[in-house]
Amino acid sequence: METVLDDTLSAVRRLFTDVFARGKTKVADDILTEDFRFQYPFPGFSPGIEGIKEFSQVFHGAFPGFELKITDLFGSSGYNDAK
């Protein structure tokens, strides 16, 4: 049985693997809530979901073929991190 934490960690994994690593910005709309705020916002980008999508598009334009590997994913209520 999956817990809320499992669901949250799954969403974090998809944010990094699908949105950041693969540039699939539509996934951000599916996994993030409207009040989402990245803890360390990217300077020059809109806040929230739109900023994440903008950053991903610019990043993939600058670094085509970018690869990302998650070595650890952990969290607790209200806090999640990926390494």
Protein backbone atom coordinates (compact mmCIF):
# COMPACT_ATOMS: atom_id res chain seq x y z
CA MET A 1 0.00 0.00 0.00
CA GLU A 2 1.46 3.34 -1.08
CA THR A 3 1.59 6.18 1.40
CA VAL A 4 1.36 9.92 0.83
CA LEU A 5 5.16 10.02 1.19
CA ASP A 6 5.53 7.37 -1.53
CA ASP A 7 3.30 9.44 -3.82
CA THR A 8 5.31 12.58 -3.05
CA LEU A 9 8.65 10.86 -3.68
CA SER A 10 7.27 9.48 -6.94
CA ALA A 11 6.33 13.01 -8.02
CA VAL A 12 9.81 14.29 -7.08
CA ARG A 13 11.40 11.48 -9.09
CA ARG A 14 9.23 12.37 -12.11
CA LEU A 15 10.13 16.06 -11.73
CA PHE A 16 13.82 15.23 -12.03
CA THR A 17 13.67 12.37 -14.54
CA ASP A 18 10.86 13.52 -16.82
CA VAL A 19 10.90 17.32 -16.57
CA PHE A 20 14.57 18.11 -15.92
CA ALA A 21 16.33 15.13 -17.53
CA ARG A 22 14.00 14.49 -20.48
CA GLY A 23 12.53 17.97 -21.00
CA LYS A 24 8.94 16.72 -20.80
CA THR A 25 7.49 19.95 -19.45
CA LYS A 26 3.85 18.78 -19.67
CA VAL A 27 4.59 16.37 -16.81
CA ALA A 28 5.06 19.37 -14.49
CA ASP A 29 1.38 20.23 -14.99
CA ASP A 30 0.42 16.69 -14.02
CA ILE A 31 2.52 16.29 -10.88
CA LEU A 32 2.79 19.76 -9.32
CA THR A 33 0.09 21.75 -7.56
CA GLU A 34 -0.72 25.34 -8.48
CA ASP A 35 0.91 26.61 -5.28
CA PHE A 36 4.19 24.76 -5.97
CA ARG A 37 7.30 26.80 -5.22
CA PHE A 38 10.84 25.53 -5.83
CA GLN A 39 12.93 26.01 -2.67
CA TYR A 40 15.73 27.63 -4.68
CA PRO A 41 14.06 29.45 -7.58
CA PHE A 42 16.06 29.97 -10.74
CA PRO A 43 16.97 33.66 -11.23
CA GLY A 44 15.24 35.22 -14.22
CA PHE A 45 12.46 32.61 -14.41
CA SER A 46 8.82 32.84 -13.38
CA PRO A 47 7.92 31.39 -9.98
CA GLY A 48 6.18 28.07 -9.63
CA ILE A 49 5.31 25.58 -12.35
CA GLU A 50 5.86 27.98 -15.26
CA GLY A 51 9.38 28.76 -14.04
CA ILE A 52 10.23 25.06 -13.82
CA LYS A 53 8.99 24.52 -17.38
CA GLU A 54 10.82 27.60 -18.69
CA PHE A 55 14.06 26.53 -16.99
CA SER A 56 13.80 23.01 -18.40
CA GLN A 57 13.29 24.31 -21.95
CA VAL A 58 16.22 26.74 -21.73
CA PHE A 59 18.47 24.15 -20.10
CA HIS A 60 17.74 21.55 -22.79
CA GLY A 61 18.34 24.13 -25.49
CA ALA A 62 21.76 24.89 -23.99
CA PHE A 63 22.73 21.29 -23.16
CA PRO A 64 21.15 18.85 -25.62
CA GLY A 65 21.73 15.25 -24.62
CA PHE A 66 21.89 16.17 -20.92
CA GLU A 67 21.70 13.12 -18.64
CA LEU A 68 20.68 12.96 -14.99
CA LYS A 69 21.01 10.11 -12.51
CA ILE A 70 19.28 10.08 -9.14
CA THR A 71 21.46 8.25 -6.62
CA ASP A 72 19.26 8.84 -3.60
CA LEU A 73 15.72 10.08 -3.04
CA PHE A 74 14.38 10.67 0.44
CA GLY A 75 11.85 12.71 2.34
CA SER A 76 9.49 13.20 5.22
CA SER A 77 6.29 15.13 5.68
CA GLY A 78 6.68 18.40 3.77
CA TYR A 79 10.34 17.89 2.81
CA ASN A 80 11.85 15.91 -0.05
CA ASP A 81 15.29 15.80 -1.60
CA ALA A 82 17.09 14.10 -4.44
CA LYS A 83 20.79 13.52 -4.81
